[in-house]
Protein backbone atom coordinates (compact mmCIF):
# COMPACT_ATOMS: atom_id res chain seq x y z
CA MET A 1 10.64 -25.49 51.72
CA LYS A 2 9.63 -22.64 48.93
CA CYS A 3 12.17 -21.83 46.57
CA SER A 4 12.52 -18.51 44.28
CA ILE A 5 14.64 -18.54 40.85
CA ILE A 6 16.23 -15.43 39.52
CA SER A 7 17.41 -15.46 36.24
CA ILE A 8 19.43 -12.10 35.72
CA GLY A 9 20.46 -10.98 31.99
CA THR A 10 19.07 -8.20 29.80
CA GLU A 11 19.05 -10.37 27.03
CA LEU A 12 16.43 -12.39 28.46
CA ASN A 13 14.08 -9.52 28.68
CA LEU A 14 14.55 -8.39 25.69
CA GLY A 15 13.71 -11.94 24.25
CA LEU A 16 17.14 -12.50 22.54
CA ILE A 17 17.71 -15.60 24.51
CA LEU A 18 15.12 -18.23 25.75
CA ASN A 19 15.35 -18.84 29.43
CA LYS A 20 15.79 -22.41 29.88
CA ASN A 21 17.66 -22.43 33.28
CA SER A 22 14.75 -21.37 34.96
CA LYS A 23 12.67 -24.45 33.78
CA TYR A 24 15.41 -26.70 34.14
CA ILE A 25 16.32 -25.74 37.90
CA ALA A 26 12.39 -25.55 38.72
CA GLU A 27 12.17 -29.19 37.69
CA LYS A 28 15.32 -30.13 39.46
CA VAL A 29 14.14 -28.52 42.68
CA THR A 30 10.90 -29.85 42.38
CA ASP A 31 12.02 -33.41 42.35
CA LEU A 32 13.82 -32.91 45.47
CA GLY A 33 10.60 -32.18 46.91
CA ILE A 34 11.09 -28.15 47.14
CA GLU A 35 8.26 -25.97 46.00
CA CYS A 36 9.31 -23.19 43.38
CA ARG A 37 6.99 -20.53 44.24
CA TYR A 38 8.43 -17.62 42.13
CA MET A 39 10.47 -17.09 39.17
CA PHE A 40 11.90 -13.80 38.51
CA THR A 41 13.70 -12.23 35.19
CA VAL A 42 15.72 -8.85 35.85
CA GLY A 43 17.82 -7.31 33.45
CA ASP A 44 21.49 -6.54 34.31
CA ASN A 45 20.43 -3.33 36.61
CA GLU A 46 22.25 -3.46 40.08
CA ALA A 47 19.43 -1.78 41.86
CA GLU A 48 16.62 -4.06 40.16
CA ILE A 49 18.88 -7.20 41.27
CA SER A 50 19.11 -6.08 44.55
CA SER A 51 15.35 -5.50 45.12
CA ILE A 52 14.50 -8.86 43.61
CA LEU A 53 16.81 -10.54 45.38
CA LYS A 54 15.76 -8.99 48.87
CA GLN A 55 12.19 -9.97 48.02
CA SER A 56 13.06 -13.24 47.15
CA LEU A 57 14.92 -13.79 50.66
CA SER A 58 11.62 -12.50 52.39
CA CYS A 59 9.40 -14.98 50.91
CA SER A 60 11.63 -18.22 50.39
CA ASP A 61 13.76 -20.66 51.99
CA LEU A 62 15.99 -20.98 49.17
CA VAL A 63 17.27 -18.46 46.49
CA ILE A 64 18.76 -19.81 43.42
CA ILE A 65 20.42 -17.11 40.91
CA SER A 66 21.33 -17.99 37.55
CA GLY A 67 22.92 -15.67 35.14
CA GLY A 68 24.47 -12.28 35.46
CA LEU A 69 28.07 -13.13 36.55
CA GLY A 70 30.81 -12.85 34.00
CA PRO A 71 34.39 -11.99 33.72
CA THR A 72 33.49 -8.35 32.70
CA ASP A 73 33.78 -5.15 34.36
CA ASP A 74 30.26 -4.35 33.46
CA ASP A 75 28.74 -7.33 35.62
CA VAL A 76 26.94 -5.76 38.64
CA THR A 77 25.34 -9.09 39.95
CA ARG A 78 28.40 -9.34 42.45
CA ASN A 79 27.57 -5.53 43.71
CA ALA A 80 23.70 -6.21 43.65
CA VAL A 81 23.90 -9.46 45.86
CA ALA A 82 26.49 -7.60 48.55
CA THR A 83 23.83 -4.71 48.88
CA ALA A 84 20.96 -7.00 49.21
CA LEU A 85 22.61 -8.86 52.27
CA ASP A 86 24.40 -5.81 53.18
CA LEU A 87 27.75 -6.90 52.57
CA ARG A 88 30.71 -5.33 50.96
CA ALA A 89 31.42 -6.67 47.77
């Protein structure tokens, strides 16, 4: 089984926050016998999140998304995932 990890947050791309979640998740999936093939970090951009998710789904059996979801109106992750999966948000 192959896995991709997608970390979402402009603060990650700007280096404002260290991306510890991807490391932790990769360690845990490896312990489960799942090969972590790809790690992506994408900013809070709906089109980019959707594009990376589509790419991940094409090359992985499992996709784990970390970050990007919040209680604010400016969060675009839900819409990006819906677009990538051709669903209504």
